PDB file of all heavy atoms in Angstrom:
ATOM      1  N   GLN A   1      22.461   1.626   6.679  1.00  0.00           N
ATOM      2  CA  GLN A   1      21.886   0.392   7.225  1.00  0.00           C
ATOM      3  C   GLN A   1      20.383   0.543   7.451  1.00  0.00           C
ATOM      4  O   GLN A   1      19.601  -0.377   7.149  1.00  0.00           O
ATOM      5  CB  GLN A   1      22.579   0.036   8.537  1.00  0.00           C
ATOM      6  CG  GLN A   1      24.025  -0.398   8.377  1.00  0.00           C
ATOM      7  CD  GLN A   1      24.727  -0.561   9.721  1.00  0.00           C
ATOM      8  OE1 GLN A   1      24.356   0.072  10.715  1.00  0.00           O
ATOM      9  NE2 GLN A   1      25.760  -1.397   9.748  1.00  0.00           N
ATOM     10  N   VAL A   2      19.972   1.686   7.966  1.00  0.00           N
ATOM     11  CA  VAL A   2      18.549   1.933   8.217  1.00  0.00           C
ATOM     12  C   VAL A   2      17.779   1.975   6.898  1.00  0.00           C
ATOM     13  O   VAL A   2      16.648   1.474   6.797  1.00  0.00           O
ATOM     14  CB  VAL A   2      18.358   3.252   8.996  1.00  0.00           C
ATOM     15  CG1 VAL A   2      16.887   3.640   9.043  1.00  0.00           C
ATOM     16  CG2 VAL A   2      18.900   3.111  10.413  1.00  0.00           C
ATOM     17  N   GLY A   3      18.396   2.565   5.866  1.00  0.00           N
ATOM     18  CA  GLY A   3      17.757   2.614   4.559  1.00  0.00           C
ATOM     19  C   GLY A   3      17.490   1.228   4.007  1.00  0.00           C
ATOM     20  O   GLY A   3      16.401   0.945   3.469  1.00  0.00           O
ATOM     21  N   ILE A   4      18.479   0.331   4.146  1.00  0.00           N
ATOM     22  CA  ILE A   4      18.323  -1.048   3.684  1.00  0.00           C
ATOM     23  C   ILE A   4      17.227  -1.764   4.465  1.00  0.00           C
ATOM     24  O   ILE A   4      16.348  -2.433   3.891  1.00  0.00           O
ATOM     25  CB  ILE A   4      19.654  -1.821   3.818  1.00  0.00           C
ATOM     26  CG1 ILE A   4      20.729  -1.210   2.905  1.00  0.00           C
ATOM     27  CG2 ILE A   4      19.448  -3.300   3.486  1.00  0.00           C
ATOM     28  CD1 ILE A   4      20.424  -1.306   1.444  1.00  0.00           C
ATOM     29  N   LEU A   5      17.243  -1.606   5.794  1.00  0.00           N
ATOM     30  CA  LEU A   5      16.234  -2.252   6.634  1.00  0.00           C
ATOM     31  C   LEU A   5      14.836  -1.704   6.353  1.00  0.00           C
ATOM     32  O   LEU A   5      13.851  -2.456   6.336  1.00  0.00           O
ATOM     33  CB  LEU A   5      16.581  -2.059   8.119  1.00  0.00           C
ATOM     34  CG  LEU A   5      17.790  -2.847   8.649  1.00  0.00           C
ATOM     35  CD1 LEU A   5      18.118  -2.411  10.074  1.00  0.00           C
ATOM     36  CD2 LEU A   5      17.508  -4.353   8.606  1.00  0.00           C
ATOM     37  N   GLY A   6      14.764  -0.382   6.146  1.00  0.00           N
ATOM     38  CA  GLY A   6      13.477   0.238   5.853  1.00  0.00           C
ATOM     39  C   GLY A   6      12.877  -0.280   4.559  1.00  0.00           C
ATOM     40  O   GLY A   6      11.684  -0.613   4.486  1.00  0.00           O
ATOM     41  N   ALA A   7      13.716  -0.383   3.519  1.00  0.00           N
ATOM     42  CA  ALA A   7      13.244  -0.891   2.227  1.00  0.00           C
ATOM     43  C   ALA A   7      12.792  -2.341   2.344  1.00  0.00           C
ATOM     44  O   ALA A   7      11.772  -2.746   1.764  1.00  0.00           O
ATOM     45  CB  ALA A   7      14.348  -0.753   1.184  1.00  0.00           C
ATOM     46  N   ALA A   8      13.534  -3.124   3.124  1.00  0.00           N
ATOM     47  CA  ALA A   8      13.206  -4.542   3.286  1.00  0.00           C
ATOM     48  C   ALA A   8      11.908  -4.751   4.077  1.00  0.00           C
ATOM     49  O   ALA A   8      11.219  -5.761   3.908  1.00  0.00           O
ATOM     50  CB  ALA A   8      14.353  -5.266   3.976  1.00  0.00           C
ATOM     51  N   SER A   9      11.578  -3.781   4.946  1.00  0.00           N
ATOM     52  CA  SER A   9      10.399  -3.936   5.808  1.00  0.00           C
ATOM     53  C   SER A   9       9.099  -3.477   5.141  1.00  0.00           C
ATOM     54  O   SER A   9       8.016  -3.703   5.685  1.00  0.00           O
ATOM     55  CB  SER A   9      10.598  -3.150   7.108  1.00  0.00           C
ATOM     56  OG  SER A   9      10.651  -1.754   6.851  1.00  0.00           O
ATOM     57  N   ILE A  10       9.196  -2.847   3.970  1.00  0.00           N
ATOM     58  CA  ILE A  10       7.990  -2.332   3.306  1.00  0.00           C
ATOM     59  C   ILE A  10       6.981  -3.445   3.011  1.00  0.00           C
ATOM     60  O   ILE A  10       5.783  -3.294   3.318  1.00  0.00           O
ATOM     61  CB  ILE A  10       8.360  -1.555   2.022  1.00  0.00           C
ATOM     62  CG1 ILE A  10       9.046  -0.240   2.400  1.00  0.00           C
ATOM     63  CG2 ILE A  10       7.113  -1.283   1.177  1.00  0.00           C
ATOM     64  CD1 ILE A  10       9.565   0.549   1.207  1.00  0.00           C
ATOM     65  N   PRO A  11       7.402  -4.595   2.434  1.00  0.00           N
ATOM     66  CA  PRO A  11       6.417  -5.668   2.195  1.00  0.00           C
ATOM     67  C   PRO A  11       5.767  -6.177   3.479  1.00  0.00           C
ATOM     68  O   PRO A  11       4.562  -6.458   3.506  1.00  0.00           O
ATOM     69  CB  PRO A  11       7.251  -6.767   1.523  1.00  0.00           C
ATOM     70  CG  PRO A  11       8.430  -6.060   0.943  1.00  0.00           C
ATOM     71  CD  PRO A  11       8.732  -4.953   1.892  1.00  0.00           C
ATOM     72  N   LEU A  12       6.553  -6.292   4.554  1.00  0.00           N
ATOM     73  CA  LEU A  12       6.003  -6.755   5.825  1.00  0.00           C
ATOM     74  C   LEU A  12       4.962  -5.775   6.354  1.00  0.00           C
ATOM     75  O   LEU A  12       3.897  -6.176   6.844  1.00  0.00           O
ATOM     76  CB  LEU A  12       7.134  -6.933   6.853  1.00  0.00           C
ATOM     77  CG  LEU A  12       8.158  -8.040   6.567  1.00  0.00           C
ATOM     78  CD1 LEU A  12       9.291  -7.990   7.588  1.00  0.00           C
ATOM     79  CD2 LEU A  12       7.475  -9.412   6.597  1.00  0.00           C
ATOM     80  N   ALA A  13       5.279  -4.472   6.265  1.00  0.00           N
ATOM     81  CA  ALA A  13       4.342  -3.448   6.729  1.00  0.00           C
ATOM     82  C   ALA A  13       3.060  -3.482   5.902  1.00  0.00           C
ATOM     83  O   ALA A  13       1.949  -3.358   6.438  1.00  0.00           O
ATOM     84  CB  ALA A  13       4.989  -2.071   6.642  1.00  0.00           C
ATOM     85  N   TYR A  14       3.207  -3.677   4.596  1.00  0.00           N
ATOM     86  CA  TYR A  14       2.040  -3.678   3.706  1.00  0.00           C
ATOM     87  C   TYR A  14       1.085  -4.825   4.041  1.00  0.00           C
ATOM     88  O   TYR A  14      -0.139  -4.636   4.113  1.00  0.00           O
ATOM     89  CB  TYR A  14       2.503  -3.785   2.250  1.00  0.00           C
ATOM     90  CG  TYR A  14       1.378  -3.816   1.252  1.00  0.00           C
ATOM     91  CD1 TYR A  14       0.785  -2.633   0.811  1.00  0.00           C
ATOM     92  CD2 TYR A  14       0.884  -5.028   0.752  1.00  0.00           C
ATOM     93  CE1 TYR A  14      -0.255  -2.655  -0.097  1.00  0.00           C
ATOM     94  CE2 TYR A  14      -0.162  -5.062  -0.156  1.00  0.00           C
ATOM     95  CZ  TYR A  14      -0.721  -3.864  -0.577  1.00  0.00           C
ATOM     96  OH  TYR A  14      -1.762  -3.904  -1.482  1.00  0.00           O
ATOM     97  N   PHE A  15       1.621  -6.005   4.261  1.00  0.00           N
ATOM     98  CA  PHE A  15       0.773  -7.178   4.458  1.00  0.00           C
ATOM     99  C   PHE A  15       0.321  -7.393   5.902  1.00  0.00           C
ATOM    100  O   PHE A  15      -0.743  -7.983   6.142  1.00  0.00           O
ATOM    101  CB  PHE A  15       1.488  -8.436   3.967  1.00  0.00           C
ATOM    102  CG  PHE A  15       1.594  -8.523   2.470  1.00  0.00           C
ATOM    103  CD1 PHE A  15       2.814  -8.310   1.849  1.00  0.00           C
ATOM    104  CD2 PHE A  15       0.482  -8.781   1.692  1.00  0.00           C
ATOM    105  CE1 PHE A  15       2.920  -8.384   0.458  1.00  0.00           C
ATOM    106  CE2 PHE A  15       0.576  -8.855   0.307  1.00  0.00           C
ATOM    107  CZ  PHE A  15       1.792  -8.656  -0.311  1.00  0.00           C
ATOM    108  N   PHE A  16       1.093  -6.911   6.885  1.00  0.00           N
ATOM    109  CA  PHE A  16       0.789  -7.246   8.278  1.00  0.00           C
ATOM    110  C   PHE A  16       0.421  -6.052   9.164  1.00  0.00           C
ATOM    111  O   PHE A  16      -0.200  -6.231  10.205  1.00  0.00           O
ATOM    112  CB  PHE A  16       1.974  -7.991   8.906  1.00  0.00           C
ATOM    113  CG  PHE A  16       2.282  -9.291   8.224  1.00  0.00           C
ATOM    114  CD1 PHE A  16       3.391  -9.420   7.410  1.00  0.00           C
ATOM    115  CD2 PHE A  16       1.447 -10.385   8.382  1.00  0.00           C
ATOM    116  CE1 PHE A  16       3.683 -10.618   6.767  1.00  0.00           C
ATOM    117  CE2 PHE A  16       1.720 -11.596   7.752  1.00  0.00           C
ATOM    118  CZ  PHE A  16       2.840 -11.713   6.932  1.00  0.00           C
ATOM    119  N   LEU A  17       0.791  -4.827   8.779  1.00  0.00           N
ATOM    120  CA  LEU A  17       0.480  -3.663   9.605  1.00  0.00           C
ATOM    121  C   LEU A  17      -0.710  -2.863   9.088  1.00  0.00           C
ATOM    122  O   LEU A  17      -1.482  -2.321   9.869  1.00  0.00           O
ATOM    123  CB  LEU A  17       1.704  -2.740   9.711  1.00  0.00           C
ATOM    124  CG  LEU A  17       2.841  -3.190  10.631  1.00  0.00           C
ATOM    125  CD1 LEU A  17       3.959  -2.147  10.644  1.00  0.00           C
ATOM    126  CD2 LEU A  17       2.336  -3.406  12.064  1.00  0.00           C
ATOM    127  N   LEU A  18      -0.857  -2.788   7.779  1.00  0.00           N
ATOM    128  CA  LEU A  18      -1.901  -1.951   7.205  1.00  0.00           C
ATOM    129  C   LEU A  18      -3.265  -2.626   7.270  1.00  0.00           C
ATOM    130  O   LEU A  18      -3.385  -3.845   7.131  1.00  0.00           O
ATOM    131  CB  LEU A  18      -1.572  -1.623   5.747  1.00  0.00           C
ATOM    132  CG  LEU A  18      -0.282  -0.830   5.490  1.00  0.00           C
ATOM    133  CD1 LEU A  18      -0.184  -0.471   4.015  1.00  0.00           C
ATOM    134  CD2 LEU A  18      -0.216   0.417   6.356  1.00  0.00           C
ATOM    135  N   LYS A  19      -4.292  -1.793   7.472  1.00  0.00           N
ATOM    136  CA  LYS A  19      -5.670  -2.272   7.415  1.00  0.00           C
ATOM    137  C   LYS A  19      -6.057  -2.480   5.946  1.00  0.00           C
ATOM    138  O   LYS A  19      -5.399  -1.990   5.030  1.00  0.00           O
ATOM    139  CB  LYS A  19      -6.611  -1.242   8.058  1.00  0.00           C
ATOM    140  CG  LYS A  19      -6.249  -0.855   9.481  1.00  0.00           C
ATOM    141  CD  LYS A  19      -6.570  -1.954  10.462  1.00  0.00           C
ATOM    142  CE  LYS A  19      -6.322  -1.484  11.904  1.00  0.00           C
ATOM    143  NZ  LYS A  19      -6.607  -2.535  12.885  1.00  0.00           N
ATOM    144  N   ASP A  20      -7.180  -3.178   5.725  1.00  0.00           N
ATOM    145  CA  ASP A  20      -7.631  -3.448   4.358  1.00  0.00           C
ATOM    146  C   ASP A  20      -7.858  -2.159   3.575  1.00  0.00           C
ATOM    147  O   ASP A  20      -7.476  -2.058   2.399  1.00  0.00           O
ATOM    148  CB  ASP A  20      -8.924  -4.273   4.379  1.00  0.00           C
ATOM    149  CG  ASP A  20      -8.680  -5.711   4.819  1.00  0.00           C
ATOM    150  OD1 ASP A  20      -7.509  -6.156   4.736  1.00  0.00           O
ATOM    151  OD2 ASP A  20      -9.634  -6.370   5.256  1.00  0.00           O
ATOM    152  N   TYR A  21      -8.498  -1.155   4.202  1.00  0.00           N
ATOM    153  CA  TYR A  21      -8.799   0.076   3.484  1.00  0.00           C
ATOM    154  C   TYR A  21      -7.521   0.855   3.156  1.00  0.00           C
ATOM    155  O   TYR A  21      -7.459   1.588   2.166  1.00  0.00           O
ATOM    156  CB  TYR A  21      -9.785   0.943   4.286  1.00  0.00           C
ATOM    157  CG  TYR A  21      -9.150   1.827   5.329  1.00  0.00           C
ATOM    158  CD1 TYR A  21      -8.798   3.142   5.040  1.00  0.00           C
ATOM    159  CD2 TYR A  21      -8.910   1.363   6.622  1.00  0.00           C
ATOM    160  CE1 TYR A  21      -8.230   3.963   5.997  1.00  0.00           C
ATOM    161  CE2 TYR A  21      -8.346   2.161   7.574  1.00  0.00           C
ATOM    162  CZ  TYR A  21      -8.012   3.471   7.258  1.00  0.00           C
ATOM    163  OH  TYR A  21      -7.435   4.281   8.218  1.00  0.00           O
ATOM    164  N   GLN A  22      -6.488   0.699   4.015  1.00  0.00           N
ATOM    165  CA  GLN A  22      -5.219   1.372   3.741  1.00  0.00           C
ATOM    166  C   GLN A  22      -4.505   0.740   2.555  1.00  0.00           C
ATOM    167  O   GLN A  22      -3.906   1.434   1.727  1.00  0.00           O
ATOM    168  CB  GLN A  22      -4.339   1.338   5.000  1.00  0.00           C
ATOM    169  CG  GLN A  22      -4.890   2.190   6.132  1.00  0.00           C
ATOM    170  CD  GLN A  22      -4.194   1.938   7.453  1.00  0.00           C
ATOM    171  OE1 GLN A  22      -3.615   0.875   7.681  1.00  0.00           O
ATOM    172  NE2 GLN A  22      -4.248   2.933   8.341  1.00  0.00           N
ATOM    173  N   ARG A  23      -4.583  -0.592   2.458  1.00  0.00           N
ATOM    174  CA  ARG A  23      -4.018  -1.266   1.284  1.00  0.00           C
ATOM    175  C   ARG A  23      -4.782  -0.877   0.020  1.00  0.00           C
ATOM    176  O   ARG A  23      -4.197  -0.704  -1.056  1.00  0.00           O
ATOM    177  CB  ARG A  23      -4.036  -2.789   1.484  1.00  0.00           C
ATOM    178  CG  ARG A  23      -2.956  -3.286   2.433  1.00  0.00           C
ATOM    179  CD  ARG A  23      -2.804  -4.791   2.333  1.00  0.00           C
ATOM    180  NE  ARG A  23      -3.934  -5.485   2.923  1.00  0.00           N
ATOM    181  CZ  ARG A  23      -4.002  -5.853   4.201  1.00  0.00           C
ATOM    182  NH1 ARG A  23      -2.987  -5.592   5.020  1.00  0.00           N
ATOM    183  NH2 ARG A  23      -5.057  -6.484   4.668  1.00  0.00           N
ATOM    184  N   THR A  24      -6.099  -0.693   0.170  1.00  0.00           N
ATOM    185  CA  THR A  24      -6.915  -0.274  -0.971  1.00  0.00           C
ATOM    186  C   THR A  24      -6.486   1.110  -1.456  1.00  0.00           C
ATOM    187  O   THR A  24      -6.449   1.370  -2.657  1.00  0.00           O
ATOM    188  CB  THR A  24      -8.410  -0.250  -0.580  1.00  0.00           C
ATOM    189  OG1 THR A  24      -8.806  -1.560  -0.189  1.00  0.00           O
ATOM    190  CG2 THR A  24      -9.273   0.227  -1.741  1.00  0.00           C
ATOM    191  N   ARG A  25      -6.161   1.993  -0.500  1.00  0.00           N
ATOM    192  CA  ARG A  25      -5.715   3.340  -0.882  1.00  0.00           C
ATOM    193  C   ARG A  25      -4.420   3.292  -1.684  1.00  0.00           C
ATOM    194  O   ARG A  25      -4.232   4.053  -2.632  1.00  0.00           O
ATOM    195  CB  ARG A  25      -5.519   4.198   0.373  1.00  0.00           C
ATOM    196  CG  ARG A  25      -6.817   4.682   0.996  1.00  0.00           C
ATOM    197  CD  ARG A  25      -6.546   5.581   2.193  1.00  0.00           C
ATOM    198  NE  ARG A  25      -7.771   6.176   2.701  1.00  0.00           N
ATOM    199  CZ  ARG A  25      -7.818   7.015   3.726  1.00  0.00           C
ATOM    200  NH1 ARG A  25      -6.685   7.363   4.340  1.00  0.00           N
ATOM    201  NH2 ARG A  25      -8.965   7.525   4.131  1.00  0.00           N
ATOM    202  N   ILE A  26      -3.518   2.400  -1.294  1.00  0.00           N
ATOM    203  CA  ILE A  26      -2.257   2.270  -2.033  1.00  0.00           C
ATOM    204  C   ILE A  26      -2.522   1.718  -3.427  1.00  0.00           C
ATOM    205  O   ILE A  26      -1.950   2.190  -4.417  1.00  0.00           O
ATOM    206  CB  ILE A  26      -1.278   1.371  -1.258  1.00  0.00           C
ATOM    207  CG1 ILE A  26      -0.854   2.064   0.048  1.00  0.00           C
ATOM    208  CG2 ILE A  26      -0.048   1.059  -2.102  1.00  0.00           C
ATOM    209  CD1 ILE A  26       0.014   1.224   0.954  1.00  0.00           C
ATOM    210  N   GLN A  27      -3.417   0.735  -3.530  1.00  0.00           N
ATOM    211  CA  GLN A  27      -3.771   0.172  -4.836  1.00  0.00           C
ATOM    212  C   GLN A  27      -4.453   1.223  -5.711  1.00  0.00           C
ATOM    213  O   GLN A  27      -4.206   1.295  -6.926  1.00  0.00           O
ATOM    214  CB  GLN A  27      -4.687  -1.042  -4.648  1.00  0.00           C
ATOM    215  CG  GLN A  27      -3.985  -2.226  -3.988  1.00  0.00           C
ATOM    216  CD  GLN A  27      -4.960  -3.243  -3.429  1.00  0.00           C
ATOM    217  OE1 GLN A  27      -6.172  -3.136  -3.616  1.00  0.00           O
ATOM    218  NE2 GLN A  27      -4.436  -4.236  -2.717  1.00  0.00           N
ATOM    219  N   THR A  28      -5.268   2.075  -5.076  1.00  0.00           N
ATOM    220  CA  THR A  28      -5.933   3.159  -5.804  1.00  0.00           C
ATOM    221  C   THR A  28      -4.916   4.174  -6.296  1.00  0.00           C
ATOM    222  O   THR A  28      -5.022   4.696  -7.413  1.00  0.00           O
ATOM    223  CB  THR A  28      -6.962   3.851  -4.892  1.00  0.00           C
ATOM    224  OG1 THR A  28      -7.934   2.892  -4.484  1.00  0.00           O
ATOM    225  CG2 THR A  28      -7.654   4.991  -5.620  1.00  0.00           C
ATOM    226  N   PHE A  29      -3.912   4.459  -5.461  1.00  0.00           N
ATOM    227  CA  PHE A  29      -2.841   5.375  -5.850  1.00  0.00           C
ATOM    228  C   PHE A  29      -2.108   4.856  -7.092  1.00  0.00           C
ATOM    229  O   PHE A  29      -1.813   5.615  -8.021  1.00  0.00           O
ATOM    230  CB  PHE A  29      -1.866   5.538  -4.675  1.00  0.00           C
ATOM    231  CG  PHE A  29      -0.476   5.923  -5.062  1.00  0.00           C
ATOM    232  CD1 PHE A  29      -0.218   7.136  -5.653  1.00  0.00           C
ATOM    233  CD2 PHE A  29       0.575   5.052  -4.835  1.00  0.00           C
ATOM    234  CE1 PHE A  29       1.081   7.489  -6.023  1.00  0.00           C
ATOM    235  CE2 PHE A  29       1.867   5.380  -5.195  1.00  0.00           C
ATOM    236  CZ  PHE A  29       2.118   6.607  -5.790  1.00  0.00           C
ATOM    237  N   LEU A  30      -1.859   3.550  -7.138  1.00  0.00           N
ATOM    238  CA  LEU A  30      -1.142   2.963  -8.266  1.00  0.00           C
ATOM    239  C   LEU A  30      -1.999   2.920  -9.524  1.00  0.00           C
ATOM    240  O   LEU A  30      -1.485   3.062 -10.637  1.00  0.00           O
ATOM    241  CB  LEU A  30      -0.662   1.553  -7.891  1.00  0.00           C
ATOM    242  CG  LEU A  30       0.368   1.479  -6.765  1.00  0.00           C
ATOM    243  CD1 LEU A  30       0.637   0.035  -6.367  1.00  0.00           C
ATOM    244  CD2 LEU A  30       1.675   2.170  -7.175  1.00  0.00           C
ATOM    245  N   ASN A  31      -3.317   2.751  -9.341  1.00  0.00           N
ATOM    246  CA  ASN A  31      -4.211   2.685 -10.496  1.00  0.00           C
ATOM    247  C   ASN A  31      -5.598   3.183 -10.112  1.00  0.00           C
ATOM    248  O   ASN A  31      -6.521   2.390  -9.892  1.00  0.00           O
ATOM    249  CB  ASN A  31      -4.282   1.248 -11.029  1.00  0.00           C
ATOM    250  CG  ASN A  31      -5.067   1.156 -12.327  1.00  0.00           C
ATOM    251  OD1 ASN A  31      -5.370   2.168 -12.969  1.00  0.00           O
ATOM    252  ND2 ASN A  31      -5.428  -0.059 -12.700  1.00  0.00           N
ATOM    253  N   PRO A  32      -5.801   4.508 -10.005  1.00  0.00           N
ATOM    254  CA  PRO A  32      -7.085   5.062  -9.556  1.00  0.00           C
ATOM    255  C   PRO A  32      -8.247   4.735 -10.493  1.00  0.00           C
ATOM    256  O   PRO A  32      -9.387   4.644 -10.055  1.00  0.00           O
ATOM    257  CB  PRO A  32      -6.822   6.574  -9.510  1.00  0.00           C
ATOM    258  CG  PRO A  32      -5.625   6.797 -10.372  1.00  0.00           C
ATOM    259  CD  PRO A  32      -4.806   5.553 -10.259  1.00  0.00           C
ATOM    260  N   GLU A  33      -7.965   4.562 -11.784  1.00  0.00           N
ATOM    261  CA  GLU A  33      -9.032   4.281 -12.743  1.00  0.00           C
ATOM    262  C   GLU A  33      -9.598   2.871 -12.603  1.00  0.00           C
ATOM    263  O   GLU A  33     -10.669   2.566 -13.149  1.00  0.00           O
ATOM    264  CB  GLU A  33      -8.522   4.487 -14.175  1.00  0.00           C
ATOM    265  CG  GLU A  33      -8.331   5.941 -14.572  1.00  0.00           C
ATOM    266  CD  GLU A  33      -7.044   6.535 -14.004  1.00  0.00           C
ATOM    267  OE1 GLU A  33      -6.197   5.734 -13.532  1.00  0.00           O
ATOM    268  OE2 GLU A  33      -6.890   7.765 -14.025  1.00  0.00           O
ATOM    269  N   ALA A  34      -8.910   1.990 -11.877  1.00  0.00           N
ATOM    270  CA  ALA A  34      -9.369   0.601 -11.735  1.00  0.00           C
ATOM    271  C   ALA A  34     -10.682   0.522 -10.960  1.00  0.00           C
ATOM    272  O   ALA A  34     -11.472  -0.396 -11.170  1.00  0.00           O
ATOM    273  CB  ALA A  34      -8.303  -0.240 -11.036  1.00  0.00           C
ATOM    274  N   ASP A  35     -10.919   1.465 -10.055  1.00  0.00           N
ATOM    275  CA  ASP A  35     -12.165   1.495  -9.277  1.00  0.00           C
ATOM    276  C   ASP A  35     -12.691   2.927  -9.294  1.00  0.00           C
ATOM    277  O   ASP A  35     -12.801   3.588  -8.263  1.00  0.00           O
ATOM    278  CB  ASP A  35     -11.899   1.009  -7.847  1.00  0.00           C
ATOM    279  CG  ASP A  35     -13.180   0.757  -7.079  1.00  0.00           C
ATOM    280  OD1 ASP A  35     -14.261   0.757  -7.701  1.00  0.00           O
ATOM    281  OD2 ASP A  35     -13.109   0.565  -5.852  1.00  0.00           O
ATOM    282  N   LEU A  36     -13.008   3.387 -10.487  1.00  0.00           N
ATOM    283  CA  LEU A  36     -13.326   4.794 -10.712  1.00  0.00           C
ATOM    284  C   LEU A  36     -14.518   5.281  -9.906  1.00  0.00           C
ATOM    285  O   LEU A  36     -14.526   6.394  -9.391  1.00  0.00           O
ATOM    286  CB  LEU A  36     -13.578   5.016 -12.210  1.00  0.00           C
ATOM    287  CG  LEU A  36     -13.841   6.446 -12.663  1.00  0.00           C
ATOM    288  CD1 LEU A  36     -12.666   7.338 -12.286  1.00  0.00           C
ATOM    289  CD2 LEU A  36     -14.105   6.484 -14.158  1.00  0.00           C
ATOM    290  N   MET A  37     -15.533   4.455  -9.737  1.00  0.00           N
ATOM    291  CA  MET A  37     -16.756   4.893  -9.076  1.00  0.00           C
ATOM    292  C   MET A  37     -16.720   4.704  -7.562  1.00  0.00           C
ATOM    293  O   MET A  37     -17.680   5.047  -6.876  1.00  0.00           O
ATOM    294  CB  MET A  37     -17.953   4.134  -9.652  1.00  0.00           C
ATOM    295  CG  MET A  37     -18.168   4.377 -11.136  1.00  0.00           C
ATOM    296  SD  MET A  37     -18.305   6.144 -11.554  1.00  0.00           S
ATOM    297  CE  MET A  37     -19.827   6.552 -10.705  1.00  0.00           C
ATOM    298  N   ASN A  38     -15.611   4.173  -7.037  1.00  0.00           N
ATOM    299  CA  ASN A  38     -15.544   3.938  -5.598  1.00  0.00           C
ATOM    300  C   ASN A  38     -14.263   4.543  -5.027  1.00  0.00           C
ATOM    301  O   ASN A  38     -14.173   5.752  -4.811  1.00  0.00           O
ATOM    302  CB  ASN A  38     -15.632   2.440  -5.313  1.00  0.00           C
ATOM    303  CG  ASN A  38     -15.857   2.125  -3.854  1.00  0.00           C
ATOM    304  OD1 ASN A  38     -16.134   3.014  -3.058  1.00  0.00           O
ATOM    305  ND2 ASN A  38     -15.734   0.869  -3.488  1.00  0.00           N
ATOM    306  N   SER A  39     -13.241   3.715  -4.776  1.00  0.00           N
ATOM    307  CA  SER A  39     -12.030   4.192  -4.111  1.00  0.00           C
ATOM    308  C   SER A  39     -11.228   5.181  -4.953  1.00  0.00           C
ATOM    309  O   SER A  39     -10.497   5.999  -4.409  1.00  0.00           O
ATOM    310  CB  SER A  39     -11.145   2.997  -3.727  1.00  0.00           C
ATOM    311  OG  SER A  39     -10.754   2.269  -4.880  1.00  0.00           O
ATOM    312  N   GLY A  40     -11.362   5.105  -6.282  1.00  0.00           N
ATOM    313  CA  GLY A  40     -10.582   6.003  -7.135  1.00  0.00           C
ATOM    314  C   GLY A  40     -11.257   7.322  -7.440  1.00  0.00           C
ATOM    315  O   GLY A  40     -10.665   8.196  -8.086  1.00  0.00           O
TER     316      GLY A  40
END
């Protein structure tokens, strides 16, 4: 049950709990070459 709830809460955490720079880090993790001279 906790696993299901945890998976369901990931989008909420991403959009409402994380700061802008933290979301940028996740985007950089998914595609570091997209901002090669800055966050990547």
